[in-house]
């Protein structure tokens, strides 16, 4: 049921009110003093919700709660269990919320953490942590689909190291060079680490290390697939280790298949061991 349907509410100064309140929405009751706001919210809706909850308890539990009178209303349909916060200052802590004041915050946090299924706030897809084998299989599927449609596939294996952070990162570039890396992608553009890379300190930058370049014109035979999967597994593991759980599998969209040294157009696919939308 999408609404709480109230019919014939006459509690206190309510005059036989009929009202449909949408469920799952934030509803505000406004009006001048004495118009019946509290009579409707607290003395009718909440009182009936509490009364029904008490009636659902065992007779042993009800003896400690007493008998609650039914509000002066003909009927209320679609009513869920109700929680009420008195119209007074119950805490002087400015960080108090409805959850902490009603003492359900810890229970809700436990409920969502143990039983909830996280979803991406942008696309709405359910997300989960991925294992190395799962990432390798998805990368293989991407390559095979690309080869099937475009007769060719070129991908870069990238390790996201810096994401939207300010700085020059000169020490980071030196560390990458000392580890044997030759290229990085900075804000969407490929650069050689042998260059004198100077970034604007006050701007936010995104930096990914180029781990591997994969060019495929056909995927035929199990020996080739097995060799490609092993290569992908090594590159993905290296990327995950460098970025602490993230890897970007970037499809190069430049029209030339001769593997341009500095591609400019990409279609990125993010994979993660740390819960990220794929």
Protein backbone atom coordinates (compact mmCIF):
# COMPACT_ATOMS: atom_id res chain seq x y z
CA UNK A 1 0.00 0.00 0.00
CA UNK A 2 1.40 3.40 -1.03
CA UNK A 3 -0.57 5.52 1.42
CA UNK A 4 -1.62 5.64 5.05
CA UNK A 5 -5.36 6.10 4.65
CA UNK A 6 -7.03 7.93 7.55
CA UNK A 7 -10.81 8.13 7.65
CA UNK A 8 -12.95 10.03 10.14
CA UNK A 9 -10.25 11.32 12.50
CA UNK A 10 -11.90 13.17 15.40
CA UNK A 11 -9.21 13.07 18.07
CA UNK A 12 -9.20 16.29 20.14
CA UNK A 13 -9.81 19.22 17.79
CA UNK A 14 -9.85 17.22 14.54
CA UNK A 15 -13.19 17.54 12.75
CA UNK A 16 -13.86 14.23 11.02
CA UNK A 17 -10.69 14.45 8.89
CA UNK A 18 -10.10 12.16 5.88
CA UNK A 19 -6.48 12.07 4.70
CA UNK A 20 -4.09 9.98 2.58
CA UNK A 21 -0.43 10.28 3.67
CA UNK A 22 2.17 8.92 1.18
CA UNK A 23 4.45 6.22 2.59
CA UNK A 24 8.20 6.26 2.06
CA UNK A 25 8.19 10.06 1.79
CA UNK A 26 9.14 12.94 4.06
CA UNK A 27 5.79 14.51 4.99
CA UNK A 28 5.51 17.84 6.81
CA UNK A 29 2.33 18.89 8.64
CA UNK A 30 1.98 22.67 8.83
CA UNK A 31 -0.67 25.03 10.12
CA UNK A 32 -1.51 27.62 12.72
CA UNK A 33 -1.51 26.79 16.40
CA UNK A 34 -4.51 24.68 17.34
CA UNK A 35 -5.16 23.44 13.80
CA UNK A 36 -4.65 19.81 14.83
CA UNK A 37 -1.11 19.01 13.69
CA UNK A 38 -0.10 17.24 16.90
CA UNK A 39 -3.53 15.66 17.24
CA UNK A 40 -3.11 14.05 13.83
CA UNK A 41 0.58 13.07 14.03
CA UNK A 42 0.98 12.07 17.68
CA UNK A 43 -2.48 11.42 19.10
CA UNK A 44 -3.92 9.64 16.05
CA UNK A 45 -1.30 8.13 13.71
CA UNK A 46 1.40 7.36 16.27
CA UNK A 47 -1.06 6.35 19.00
CA UNK A 48 -2.79 3.85 16.71
CA UNK A 49 0.53 2.47 15.46
CA UNK A 50 1.75 1.99 19.01
CA UNK A 51 -1.55 0.41 20.08
CA UNK A 52 -1.42 -2.12 17.25
CA UNK A 53 2.19 -2.95 18.06
CA UNK A 54 1.35 -3.60 21.71
CA UNK A 55 -1.57 -5.81 20.68
CA UNK A 56 0.81 -7.96 18.62
CA UNK A 57 2.90 -8.78 21.69
CA UNK A 58 2.33 -11.73 23.96
CA UNK A 59 -0.08 -11.44 26.86
CA UNK A 60 2.89 -11.66 29.23
CA UNK A 61 4.54 -8.61 27.64
CA UNK A 62 1.30 -6.63 27.45
CA UNK A 63 0.78 -6.82 31.21
CA UNK A 64 3.78 -4.54 31.71
CA UNK A 65 2.66 -2.00 29.10
CA UNK A 66 -0.94 -1.51 30.07
CA UNK A 67 -4.00 -1.07 27.89
CA UNK A 68 -3.82 1.68 25.28
CA UNK A 69 -7.01 3.38 24.16
CA UNK A 70 -7.94 3.50 20.51
CA UNK A 71 -7.83 7.01 19.02
CA UNK A 72 -11.13 8.57 17.96
CA UNK A 73 -10.92 7.59 14.30
CA UNK A 74 -13.08 5.43 12.04
CA UNK A 75 -10.20 3.60 10.34
CA UNK A 76 -6.50 3.78 9.51
CA UNK A 77 -5.10 1.54 6.75
CA UNK A 78 -1.50 0.95 5.66
CA UNK A 79 -0.05 1.86 9.04
CA UNK A 80 3.52 0.67 9.74
CA UNK A 81 5.23 0.40 13.15
CA UNK A 82 5.61 3.96 14.44
CA UNK A 83 8.34 5.84 16.28
CA UNK A 84 7.68 9.17 18.00
CA UNK A 85 10.02 11.87 19.25
CA UNK A 86 8.49 14.30 21.75
CA UNK A 87 8.33 17.98 20.84
CA UNK A 88 10.96 18.97 23.35
CA UNK A 89 14.72 19.08 23.61
CA UNK A 90 15.81 15.59 24.64
CA UNK A 91 19.51 16.14 24.06
CA UNK A 92 21.88 19.10 23.91
CA UNK A 93 24.23 17.28 21.55
CA UNK A 94 24.16 19.03 18.13
CA UNK A 95 25.17 15.76 16.46
CA UNK A 96 22.06 13.91 17.64
CA UNK A 97 19.89 12.37 14.92
CA UNK A 98 16.55 10.59 14.84
CA UNK A 99 18.49 7.32 14.93
CA UNK A 100 20.51 8.18 18.02
CA UNK A 101 17.63 9.80 19.90
CA UNK A 102 15.36 6.79 19.33
CA UNK A 103 18.28 4.39 20.00
CA UNK A 104 17.76 2.46 16.76
CA UNK A 105 20.93 3.71 15.05
CA UNK A 106 23.17 0.82 16.14
CA UNK A 107 20.54 -1.75 15.20
CA UNK A 108 19.99 -0.21 11.75
CA UNK A 109 23.73 -0.03 11.14
CA UNK A 110 24.10 -3.70 12.03
CA UNK A 111 21.11 -4.62 9.87
CA UNK A 112 22.42 -2.84 6.76
CA UNK A 113 26.00 -4.06 7.28
CA UNK A 114 25.07 -7.73 7.67
CA UNK A 115 21.98 -8.14 5.51
CA UNK A 116 22.12 -5.23 3.07
CA UNK A 117 23.24 -5.36 -0.57
CA UNK A 118 25.23 -2.23 -1.55
CA UNK A 119 24.32 -0.53 -4.82
CA UNK A 120 26.09 2.10 -6.90
CA UNK A 121 24.53 5.53 -6.18
CA UNK A 122 25.09 6.56 -9.82
CA UNK A 123 23.90 3.63 -11.96
CA UNK A 124 21.97 1.65 -9.33
CA UNK A 125 23.80 -1.64 -9.98
CA UNK A 126 24.56 -3.96 -7.09
CA UNK A 127 28.25 -3.93 -6.24
CA UNK A 128 30.52 -6.43 -4.54
CA UNK A 129 34.20 -7.09 -4.08
CA UNK A 130 35.78 -9.05 -6.93
CA UNK A 131 38.44 -11.72 -6.82
CA UNK A 132 41.42 -11.88 -9.16
CA UNK A 133 39.86 -14.73 -11.15
CA UNK A 134 36.60 -12.81 -11.57
CA UNK A 135 38.43 -9.73 -12.84
CA UNK A 136 40.47 -11.83 -15.28
CA UNK A 137 37.32 -13.49 -16.63
CA UNK A 138 35.62 -10.12 -17.14
CA UNK A 139 38.69 -8.71 -18.87
CA UNK A 140 38.77 -11.75 -21.19
CA UNK A 141 35.09 -11.25 -22.00
CA UNK A 142 35.72 -7.61 -22.87
CA UNK A 143 38.58 -8.54 -25.20
CA UNK A 144 36.58 -11.28 -26.92
CA UNK A 145 33.53 -9.03 -27.42
CA UNK A 146 35.70 -6.22 -28.80
CA UNK A 147 37.49 -8.54 -31.23
CA UNK A 148 34.16 -9.99 -32.36
CA UNK A 149 32.65 -6.59 -33.14
CA UNK A 150 35.70 -4.56 -34.21
CA UNK A 151 38.00 -7.36 -35.46
CA UNK A 152 40.66 -5.96 -33.16
CA UNK A 153 41.18 -4.93 -29.56
CA UNK A 154 43.71 -2.77 -27.81
CA UNK A 155 43.60 -2.31 -24.06
CA UNK A 156 45.78 -0.66 -21.45
CA UNK A 157 46.08 -2.11 -17.98
CA UNK A 158 46.22 0.83 -15.57
CA UNK A 159 46.71 1.08 -11.83
CA UNK A 160 44.89 4.09 -10.28
CA UNK A 161 47.29 5.68 -7.81
CA UNK A 162 46.01 9.25 -7.42
CA UNK A 163 42.35 10.17 -7.81
CA UNK A 164 41.32 13.83 -7.87
CA UNK A 165 44.03 15.09 -5.52
CA UNK A 166 46.03 18.31 -5.55
CA UNK A 167 49.82 18.27 -5.73
CA UNK A 168 52.91 18.04 -7.94
CA UNK A 169 53.61 14.33 -7.23
CA UNK A 170 57.24 14.56 -8.33
CA UNK A 171 58.28 12.02 -5.70
CA UNK A 172 55.59 9.61 -6.93
CA UNK A 173 56.97 9.78 -10.46
CA UNK A 174 60.48 9.08 -9.18
CA UNK A 175 59.23 6.08 -7.20
CA UNK A 176 57.44 4.67 -10.25
CA UNK A 177 60.56 5.09 -12.39
CA UNK A 178 62.66 3.32 -9.79
CA UNK A 179 60.22 0.38 -9.91
CA UNK A 180 60.60 0.07 -13.68
CA UNK A 181 57.42 1.73 -14.91
CA UNK A 182 57.77 3.71 -18.13
CA UNK A 183 54.46 5.50 -18.64
CA UNK A 184 51.62 7.06 -16.67
CA UNK A 185 48.26 8.46 -17.62
CA UNK A 186 47.74 11.90 -16.13
CA UNK A 187 44.28 13.43 -16.39
CA UNK A 188 43.49 11.25 -19.38
CA UNK A 189 46.76 11.74 -21.30
CA UNK A 190 49.66 9.29 -21.61
CA UNK A 191 53.11 10.57 -20.61
CA UNK A 192 56.55 8.99 -20.46
CA UNK A 193 58.14 8.97 -17.03
CA UNK A 194 61.39 9.98 -18.72
CA UNK A 195 59.81 13.40 -19.34
CA UNK A 196 60.26 16.28 -16.94
CA UNK A 197 56.71 16.07 -15.62
CA UNK A 198 55.57 19.28 -13.92
CA UNK A 199 52.02 19.42 -12.60
CA UNK A 200 50.15 22.48 -11.35
CA UNK A 201 50.18 22.09 -7.59
CA UNK A 202 46.82 23.78 -6.99
CA UNK A 203 44.91 21.65 -9.52
CA UNK A 204 43.38 18.27 -8.85
CA UNK A 205 44.99 15.42 -10.77
CA UNK A 206 44.26 11.77 -11.54
CA UNK A 207 47.30 9.57 -12.11
CA UNK A 208 47.40 5.93 -13.25
CA UNK A 209 50.48 3.83 -13.89
CA UNK A 210 50.54 1.94 -17.20
CA UNK A 211 51.06 -1.70 -16.25
CA UNK A 212 50.58 -3.45 -19.59
CA UNK A 213 49.49 -2.90 -23.20
CA UNK A 214 47.46 -5.63 -24.83
CA UNK A 215 46.78 -5.76 -28.59
CA UNK A 216 44.70 -8.62 -29.98
CA UNK A 217 43.39 -9.19 -33.51
CA UNK A 218 41.92 -12.64 -32.90
CA UNK A 219 41.20 -14.96 -29.99
CA UNK A 220 41.52 -18.49 -31.30
CA UNK A 221 42.54 -21.74 -29.71
CA UNK A 222 42.85 -22.74 -26.10
CA UNK A 223 46.66 -22.33 -25.94
CA UNK A 224 46.35 -18.67 -26.94
CA UNK A 225 43.48 -18.07 -24.50
CA UNK A 226 45.40 -19.73 -21.69
CA UNK A 227 48.50 -17.65 -22.39
CA UNK A 228 46.42 -14.45 -22.57
CA UNK A 229 44.65 -15.23 -19.29
CA UNK A 230 47.98 -15.83 -17.56
CA UNK A 231 49.28 -12.51 -18.85
CA UNK A 232 46.12 -10.73 -17.72
CA UNK A 233 46.33 -12.34 -14.29
CA UNK A 234 49.92 -11.17 -13.80
CA UNK A 235 49.15 -7.63 -14.96
CA UNK A 236 45.96 -7.34 -12.93
CA UNK A 237 47.65 -8.62 -9.78
CA UNK A 238 50.45 -6.11 -10.27
CA UNK A 239 47.94 -3.28 -10.73
CA UNK A 240 45.96 -4.33 -7.66
CA UNK A 241 49.09 -4.44 -5.52
CA UNK A 242 50.24 -1.01 -6.67
CA UNK A 243 46.89 0.74 -6.12
CA UNK A 244 45.80 -1.33 -3.10
CA UNK A 245 42.84 -3.02 -4.73
CA UNK A 246 41.92 -1.10 -7.89
CA UNK A 247 42.58 -1.72 -11.58
CA UNK A 248 41.46 0.08 -14.73
CA UNK A 249 41.10 -1.88 -17.95
CA UNK A 250 41.03 0.89 -20.56
CA UNK A 251 39.94 0.17 -24.12
CA UNK A 252 41.79 2.40 -26.59
CA UNK A 253 39.31 3.95 -29.02
CA UNK A 254 41.80 5.58 -31.40
CA UNK A 255 41.01 4.46 -34.95
CA UNK A 256 44.56 3.34 -35.78
CA UNK A 257 45.38 -0.22 -34.78
CA UNK A 258 49.13 0.30 -35.07
CA UNK A 259 49.22 0.96 -31.33
CA UNK A 260 49.82 4.71 -31.13
CA UNK A 261 52.37 5.53 -28.49
CA UNK A 262 50.12 8.14 -26.90
CA UNK A 263 46.46 7.18 -27.31
CA UNK A 264 43.92 9.86 -26.42
CA UNK A 265 40.51 8.17 -26.46
CA UNK A 266 39.59 5.54 -23.88
CA UNK A 267 36.67 3.57 -22.53
CA UNK A 268 37.58 2.75 -18.94
CA UNK A 269 36.38 -0.31 -17.02
CA UNK A 270 37.01 -0.18 -13.28
CA UNK A 271 37.47 -3.33 -11.24
CA UNK A 272 38.02 -3.48 -7.52
CA UNK A 273 38.72 -5.73 -4.59
CA UNK A 274 37.27 -3.00 -2.35
CA UNK A 275 33.60 -2.70 -3.43
CA UNK A 276 33.43 -0.42 -6.48
CA UNK A 277 30.97 -0.32 -9.34
CA UNK A 278 32.36 -2.31 -12.29
